[in-house]
């Protein structure tokens, strides 16, 4: 008949003779009891397992992986500890945040047995103890945070829970490696308010982005207008400079033309019959000016001798001769002053 070892005072009981009450045996104890091997003198311990051996009810040694020899009746395998990483599902529980919001939260715990002796004799059920410790620590840490920080600082929350568990589990020979929160459930009303808050935040961001876009567009338009005005003013400035330069060059050209005309006129007057030509020019200008009278205005001032063209020409020539006499006198004076200076070397005193 199949025999099973149960943790009830260390006795070996038959399934047909005794039924162990469920209140005395936890799921972890049932798992351990079903895996306890019998002492067959020669035992082979699997890798990543530690078998705790008691001799006459007292701890004797821990069997290492590989071949091991035991004494029948005296030696007994009391505990089998797995040295692999163990994953424990932490049941869902209620917790109250700092802002008095009730949360339903569960998680996953990753741990490893470092000392099989402490894990066997330091605590009755190490997995159950660590699970309860994780639940109490999680409630304590959630009570320190508000609802918004619970979602934003999950990594910090997980690390704080791991640190708190390791402080208590050192005496049990267990090391907590990680703790991960699987799911956080909030009340329906709180969820609706959070959704409204998210929508409001998104609308706010959209409004801010739209206003920033309008602002950038206005700035760009203003910059464009500014550049256009600057370019227009520079163009106007260049146009005025070019116009002034053109006018100056035109004035110079007109002055040079007038000077050339005056020189040509002076040369013509100095020639033979120049006075007659000047008289003819004055007469032509007089006739031309008289023909333009009364074209621009109804009021006309006429001289008393309008019909006396010869008298007007004679008067104009008299004015011309009067203005030309000083220049002729100046020329003659210069000639007289220059002649003695030229004849001086030719005079000689008679010799005695």
Protein backbone atom coordinates (compact mmCIF):
# COMPACT_ATOMS: atom_id res chain seq x y z
CA UNK A 1 0.00 0.00 0.00
CA UNK A 2 1.18 3.51 -0.84
CA UNK A 3 2.54 5.33 2.16
CA UNK A 4 2.72 9.11 2.56
CA UNK A 5 4.70 11.20 5.01
CA UNK A 6 2.71 13.94 6.78
CA UNK A 7 3.94 16.60 9.17
CA UNK A 8 1.95 15.37 12.19
CA UNK A 9 4.51 14.70 14.90
CA UNK A 10 6.88 13.00 12.46
CA UNK A 11 4.85 9.74 12.35
CA UNK A 12 4.44 7.68 9.19
CA UNK A 13 0.71 7.12 8.61
CA UNK A 14 -1.27 5.13 6.09
CA UNK A 15 -3.87 6.81 3.92
CA UNK A 16 -6.41 4.14 4.80
CA UNK A 17 -5.93 4.49 8.56
CA UNK A 18 -5.81 8.25 9.23
CA UNK A 19 -7.16 11.35 7.57
CA UNK A 20 -5.39 14.61 8.46
CA UNK A 21 -7.78 17.53 9.06
CA UNK A 22 -7.43 20.29 6.53
CA UNK A 23 -7.17 22.94 9.25
CA UNK A 24 -3.86 21.52 10.38
CA UNK A 25 -2.20 21.30 6.97
CA UNK A 26 -1.63 24.33 4.71
CA UNK A 27 -1.22 24.01 0.91
CA UNK A 28 2.53 24.57 1.27
CA UNK A 29 2.76 21.81 3.91
CA UNK A 30 0.87 19.42 1.66
CA UNK A 31 3.29 20.25 -1.17
CA UNK A 32 6.27 19.60 1.10
CA UNK A 33 4.76 16.42 2.53
CA UNK A 34 4.10 14.98 -0.89
CA UNK A 35 7.70 15.59 -1.91
CA UNK A 36 9.41 14.16 1.17
CA UNK A 37 11.45 11.13 0.03
CA UNK A 38 11.93 7.95 2.06
CA UNK A 39 15.27 6.93 3.53
CA UNK A 40 16.56 4.20 1.26
CA UNK A 41 20.19 4.35 2.52
CA UNK A 42 21.42 5.53 -0.88
CA UNK A 43 19.84 8.79 -2.03
CA UNK A 44 20.38 11.02 -5.07
CA UNK A 45 19.62 14.71 -4.39
CA UNK A 46 18.59 16.73 -7.48
CA UNK A 47 20.31 19.94 -8.47
CA UNK A 48 19.01 23.17 -6.87
CA UNK A 49 17.45 21.32 -3.95
CA UNK A 50 18.49 21.05 -0.29
CA UNK A 51 17.34 18.12 1.84
CA UNK A 52 17.32 18.75 5.58
CA UNK A 53 18.15 15.56 7.53
CA UNK A 54 17.33 14.96 11.20
CA UNK A 55 18.99 12.23 13.24
CA UNK A 56 16.82 10.94 16.08
CA UNK A 57 14.67 14.09 15.85
CA UNK A 58 17.56 16.55 15.88
CA UNK A 59 19.03 18.48 12.95
CA UNK A 60 21.95 16.54 11.53
CA UNK A 61 22.98 17.99 8.17
CA UNK A 62 21.84 19.28 4.79
CA UNK A 63 22.34 16.95 1.84
CA UNK A 64 24.11 18.44 -1.15
CA UNK A 65 23.11 17.61 -4.76
CA UNK A 66 24.43 14.24 -5.85
CA UNK A 67 25.04 10.91 -4.06
CA UNK A 68 24.37 10.76 -0.33
CA UNK A 69 24.25 7.91 2.24
CA UNK A 70 21.95 7.79 5.27
CA UNK A 71 21.48 5.41 8.17
CA UNK A 72 18.05 3.83 8.18
CA UNK A 73 15.73 4.45 11.13
CA UNK A 74 18.15 6.98 12.71
CA UNK A 75 18.27 9.47 9.83
CA UNK A 76 15.16 11.03 8.42
CA UNK A 77 14.57 13.62 5.67
CA UNK A 78 12.53 16.30 7.39
CA UNK A 79 12.37 19.17 4.86
CA UNK A 80 13.00 19.59 1.15
CA UNK A 81 13.82 23.15 0.17
CA UNK A 82 13.98 24.37 -3.44
CA UNK A 83 16.82 26.81 -4.12
CA UNK A 84 15.23 28.08 -7.33
CA UNK A 85 13.48 31.42 -7.62
CA UNK A 86 9.93 31.04 -6.35
CA UNK A 87 6.99 33.03 -7.72
CA UNK A 88 4.12 33.68 -5.32
CA UNK A 89 0.86 35.27 -6.36
CA UNK A 90 -0.17 37.79 -3.71
CA UNK A 91 -3.98 37.77 -3.41
CA UNK A 92 -6.04 40.86 -4.06
CA UNK A 93 -6.62 43.06 -1.03
CA UNK A 94 -8.01 46.45 -0.05
CA UNK A 95 -5.82 49.41 0.80
CA UNK A 96 -6.55 53.06 1.58
CA UNK A 97 -4.37 55.76 0.05
CA UNK A 98 -3.28 58.96 1.73
CA UNK A 99 -6.23 60.87 0.22
CA UNK A 100 -8.73 58.28 1.57
CA UNK A 101 -9.35 56.38 -1.67
CA UNK A 102 -10.00 52.65 -1.31
CA UNK A 103 -8.00 50.58 -3.79
CA UNK A 104 -8.10 46.91 -4.73
CA UNK A 105 -4.53 45.83 -5.46
CA UNK A 106 -2.71 42.56 -6.06
CA UNK A 107 0.83 41.63 -6.99
CA UNK A 108 3.46 39.00 -7.69
CA UNK A 109 6.33 38.21 -5.31
CA UNK A 110 9.65 36.74 -6.42
CA UNK A 111 11.84 35.25 -3.71
CA UNK A 112 14.63 32.72 -3.20
CA UNK A 113 15.74 30.58 -0.23
CA UNK A 114 19.32 31.40 0.69
CA UNK A 115 19.64 29.44 3.94
CA UNK A 116 17.72 26.11 4.02
CA UNK A 117 18.31 25.73 7.77
CA UNK A 118 16.66 29.07 8.65
CA UNK A 119 13.89 28.48 6.12
CA UNK A 120 13.14 25.12 7.78
CA UNK A 121 13.43 26.03 11.46
CA UNK A 122 13.09 29.80 11.51
CA UNK A 123 9.43 29.93 10.45
CA UNK A 124 6.69 27.34 10.21
CA UNK A 125 5.55 28.22 6.69
CA UNK A 126 7.99 30.57 4.92
CA UNK A 127 5.89 31.16 1.81
CA UNK A 128 2.77 31.99 3.79
CA UNK A 129 4.76 34.24 6.12
CA UNK A 130 6.32 36.15 3.24
CA UNK A 131 2.93 36.51 1.52
CA UNK A 132 1.32 37.96 4.63
CA UNK A 133 4.28 40.27 5.15
CA UNK A 134 4.00 41.46 1.52
CA UNK A 135 0.31 42.24 1.98
CA UNK A 136 0.78 44.21 5.20
CA UNK A 137 3.77 46.07 3.79
CA UNK A 138 1.87 46.93 0.63
CA UNK A 139 -1.04 48.36 2.65
CA UNK A 140 1.39 50.37 4.75
CA UNK A 141 3.24 51.79 1.75
CA UNK A 142 0.02 52.66 -0.09
CA UNK A 143 -1.18 54.60 2.95
CA UNK A 144 1.80 56.94 2.51
CA UNK A 145 0.95 57.91 -1.09
CA UNK A 146 -1.91 59.73 -2.76
CA UNK A 147 -3.84 58.18 -5.61
CA UNK A 148 -1.95 60.09 -8.30
CA UNK A 149 1.43 59.10 -6.88
CA UNK A 150 0.41 55.45 -6.69
CA UNK A 151 0.16 55.36 -10.50
CA UNK A 152 3.22 57.54 -11.11
CA UNK A 153 5.56 55.96 -8.56
CA UNK A 154 4.91 52.25 -8.96
CA UNK A 155 8.62 51.48 -9.24
CA UNK A 156 9.38 53.36 -6.03
CA UNK A 157 6.47 51.59 -4.33
CA UNK A 158 7.75 48.17 -5.45
CA UNK A 159 11.29 48.88 -4.22
CA UNK A 160 10.01 50.06 -0.83
CA UNK A 161 7.97 46.87 -0.41
CA UNK A 162 10.98 44.70 -1.31
CA UNK A 163 13.17 46.57 1.18
CA UNK A 164 10.64 46.15 3.99
CA UNK A 165 10.19 42.44 3.27
CA UNK A 166 13.93 41.77 3.24
CA UNK A 167 14.37 43.43 6.62
CA UNK A 168 11.97 40.91 8.21
CA UNK A 169 12.82 37.85 6.11
CA UNK A 170 16.56 37.80 6.87
CA UNK A 171 15.84 35.66 9.97
CA UNK A 172 13.95 33.20 7.78
CA UNK A 173 16.77 32.64 5.30
CA UNK A 174 14.65 34.07 2.46
CA UNK A 175 15.59 36.86 0.10
CA UNK A 176 12.91 38.85 -1.74
CA UNK A 177 14.17 39.65 -5.23
CA UNK A 178 11.29 41.61 -6.78
CA UNK A 179 7.75 42.67 -6.14
CA UNK A 180 5.50 43.70 -8.99
CA UNK A 181 2.01 45.17 -8.75
CA UNK A 182 -0.24 43.43 -11.27
CA UNK A 183 -3.43 45.41 -11.12
CA UNK A 184 -4.85 48.40 -9.28
CA UNK A 185 -8.60 48.81 -9.24
CA UNK A 186 -10.27 52.03 -8.15
CA UNK A 187 -13.97 52.70 -7.39
CA UNK A 188 -16.16 53.51 -10.40
CA UNK A 189 -16.78 57.12 -9.33
CA UNK A 190 -13.09 57.74 -8.83
CA UNK A 191 -12.43 56.20 -12.23
CA UNK A 192 -14.98 58.53 -13.84
CA UNK A 193 -13.45 61.57 -12.15
CA UNK A 194 -9.99 60.48 -13.26
CA UNK A 195 -11.26 60.13 -16.81
CA UNK A 196 -12.78 63.61 -16.65
CA UNK A 197 -9.50 64.93 -15.28
CA UNK A 198 -7.58 63.32 -18.14
CA UNK A 199 -9.98 64.79 -20.70
CA UNK A 200 -9.71 68.23 -19.10
CA UNK A 201 -5.94 67.99 -19.12
CA UNK A 202 -5.96 67.03 -22.78
CA UNK A 203 -8.29 69.91 -23.65
CA UNK A 204 -6.01 72.23 -21.72
CA UNK A 205 -2.97 71.00 -23.62
CA UNK A 206 -4.84 71.38 -26.91
CA UNK A 207 -5.84 74.94 -26.01
CA UNK A 208 -2.30 75.79 -24.98
CA UNK A 209 -0.88 74.33 -28.17
CA UNK A 210 -3.44 76.23 -30.25
CA UNK A 211 -2.64 79.49 -28.49
CA UNK A 212 1.07 78.89 -28.97
CA UNK A 213 0.44 78.23 -32.65
CA UNK A 214 -1.56 81.47 -32.95
CA UNK A 215 1.19 83.33 -31.13
CA UNK A 216 3.87 81.93 -33.41
CA UNK A 217 1.77 82.79 -36.46
CA UNK A 218 1.29 86.38 -35.24
CA UNK A 219 5.00 86.70 -34.55
CA UNK A 220 5.82 85.39 -38.01
CA UNK A 221 3.36 87.82 -39.64
CA UNK A 222 4.79 90.73 -37.63
CA UNK A 223 8.33 89.71 -38.54
CA UNK A 224 7.32 89.51 -42.19
CA UNK A 225 5.76 92.96 -42.08
CA UNK A 226 8.83 94.34 -40.34
CA UNK A 227 11.16 92.88 -42.94
CA UNK A 228 8.91 94.16 -45.72
CA UNK A 229 8.95 97.68 -44.29
CA UNK A 230 12.71 97.55 -43.84
CA UNK A 231 13.21 96.37 -47.39
CA UNK A 232 10.75 99.00 -48.69
CA UNK A 233 12.54 101.78 -46.79
CA UNK A 234 15.91 100.57 -48.04
CA UNK A 235 14.54 100.49 -51.58
CA UNK A 236 13.13 104.01 -51.19
CA UNK A 237 16.43 105.19 -49.77
CA UNK A 238 18.35 103.67 -52.65
CA UNK A 239 15.86 105.23 -55.08
CA UNK A 240 16.31 108.67 -53.54
CA UNK A 241 20.08 108.30 -53.60
CA UNK A 242 20.01 107.26 -57.22
CA UNK A 243 17.62 110.12 -58.06
CA UNK A 244 19.82 112.66 -56.26
CA UNK A 245 22.90 111.27 -57.98
CA UNK A 246 21.13 111.53 -61.34
CA UNK A 247 20.00 115.08 -60.66
CA UNK A 248 23.52 116.07 -59.58
CA UNK A 249 24.98 114.53 -62.71
CA UNK A 250 22.30 116.32 -64.79
CA UNK A 251 23.13 119.65 -63.13
CA UNK A 252 26.82 119.08 -63.82
CA UNK A 253 26.08 118.15 -67.40
CA UNK A 254 23.90 121.26 -67.85
CA UNK A 255 26.60 123.44 -66.27
CA UNK A 256 29.29 121.96 -68.50
CA UNK A 257 27.05 122.48 -71.53
CA UNK A 258 26.40 126.09 -70.54
CA UNK A 259 30.10 126.70 -69.97
CA UNK A 260 30.91 125.25 -73.38
CA UNK A 261 28.14 127.37 -74.96
CA UNK A 262 29.44 130.50 -73.25
CA UNK A 263 33.00 129.76 -74.41
CA UNK A 264 31.77 129.17 -77.96
CA UNK A 265 29.69 132.36 -77.78
CA UNK A 266 32.67 134.33 -76.49
CA UNK A 267 34.84 132.98 -79.29
CA UNK A 268 32.15 133.86 -81.83
CA UNK A 269 31.82 137.39 -80.47
CA UNK A 270 35.58 137.85 -80.61
CA UNK A 271 35.61 137.05 -84.31
CA UNK A 272 34.86 139.52 -87.13
CA UNK A 273 31.22 140.64 -87.41
CA UNK A 274 30.54 139.15 -84.00
CA UNK A 275 28.60 142.24 -82.90
CA UNK A 276 26.29 141.89 -85.86
CA UNK A 277 25.63 138.25 -85.02
CA UNK A 278 24.92 139.21 -81.40
CA UNK A 279 22.50 141.93 -82.56
CA UNK A 280 20.69 139.39 -84.74
CA UNK A 281 20.41 136.91 -81.83
CA UNK A 282 19.02 139.57 -79.50
CA UNK A 283 16.46 140.62 -82.11
CA UNK A 284 15.32 137.03 -82.60
CA UNK A 285 14.92 136.51 -78.85
CA UNK A 286 12.97 139.75 -78.53
CA UNK A 287 10.56 138.74 -81.29
CA UNK A 288 10.15 135.28 -79.75
CA UNK A 289 9.45 136.72 -76.29
CA UNK A 290 6.99 139.24 -77.71
CA UNK A 291 5.11 136.49 -79.54
CA UNK A 292 4.57 134.57 -76.20
CA UNK A 293 2.91 137.51 -74.46
CA UNK A 294 -0.60 137.01 -73.12
CA UNK A 295 -0.41 133.19 -73.49
CA UNK A 296 0.02 132.36 -69.77
CA UNK A 297 -1.82 135.29 -68.16
CA UNK A 298 -4.43 137.91 -69.04
CA UNK A 299 -2.38 140.69 -67.42
CA UNK A 300 0.41 141.93 -69.73
CA UNK A 301 2.94 144.68 -69.02
CA UNK A 302 4.33 146.21 -72.21
CA UNK A 303 7.12 148.74 -72.61
CA UNK A 304 6.35 152.12 -74.18
CA UNK A 305 8.41 151.44 -77.31
CA UNK A 306 7.07 147.98 -78.07
CA UNK A 307 7.16 148.46 -81.83
CA UNK A 308 10.67 149.88 -81.87
CA UNK A 309 12.62 146.65 -82.40
CA UNK A 310 15.76 148.50 -83.55
CA UNK A 311 15.74 150.60 -80.40
CA UNK A 312 15.45 147.48 -78.20
CA UNK A 313 18.31 145.80 -80.07
CA UNK A 314 20.42 148.96 -79.79
CA UNK A 315 19.71 149.15 -76.05
CA UNK A 316 20.67 145.47 -75.57
CA UNK A 317 23.92 145.96 -77.56
CA UNK A 318 24.74 149.08 -75.50
CA UNK A 319 24.40 147.02 -72.30
CA UNK A 320 26.61 144.31 -73.81
CA UNK A 321 29.33 146.86 -74.76
CA UNK A 322 29.15 148.45 -71.32
CA UNK A 323 29.74 145.05 -69.67
CA UNK A 324 32.51 144.12 -72.10
CA UNK A 325 34.52 147.38 -71.66
CA UNK A 326 35.87 146.58 -68.18
CA UNK A 327 37.21 143.27 -69.44
CA UNK A 328 38.93 145.01 -72.36
CA UNK A 329 40.45 147.61 -70.03
CA UNK A 330 41.73 144.89 -67.72
CA UNK A 331 43.27 143.13 -70.71
CA UNK A 332 44.99 146.33 -71.90
CA UNK A 333 46.35 147.08 -68.43
CA UNK A 334 47.82 143.59 -68.25
CA UNK A 335 49.38 144.09 -71.67
CA UNK A 336 50.96 147.43 -70.68
CA UNK A 337 52.35 146.00 -67.47
CA UNK A 338 53.81 143.04 -69.32
CA UNK A 339 55.52 145.09 -72.14
CA UNK A 340 58.10 146.91 -69.94
CA UNK A 341 59.09 143.69 -68.33
CA UNK A 342 59.77 142.24 -71.77
CA UNK A 343 61.74 145.34 -73.04
CA UNK A 344 63.82 145.89 -69.90
CA UNK A 345 66.65 143.57 -70.86
CA UNK A 346 67.02 145.33 -74.24
CA UNK A 347 67.94 148.77 -72.76
CA UNK A 348 71.66 149.46 -72.15
CA UNK A 349 73.47 152.43 -70.73
CA UNK A 350 75.95 154.17 -73.01
CA UNK A 351 79.54 153.72 -72.12
CA UNK A 352 81.52 156.76 -71.18
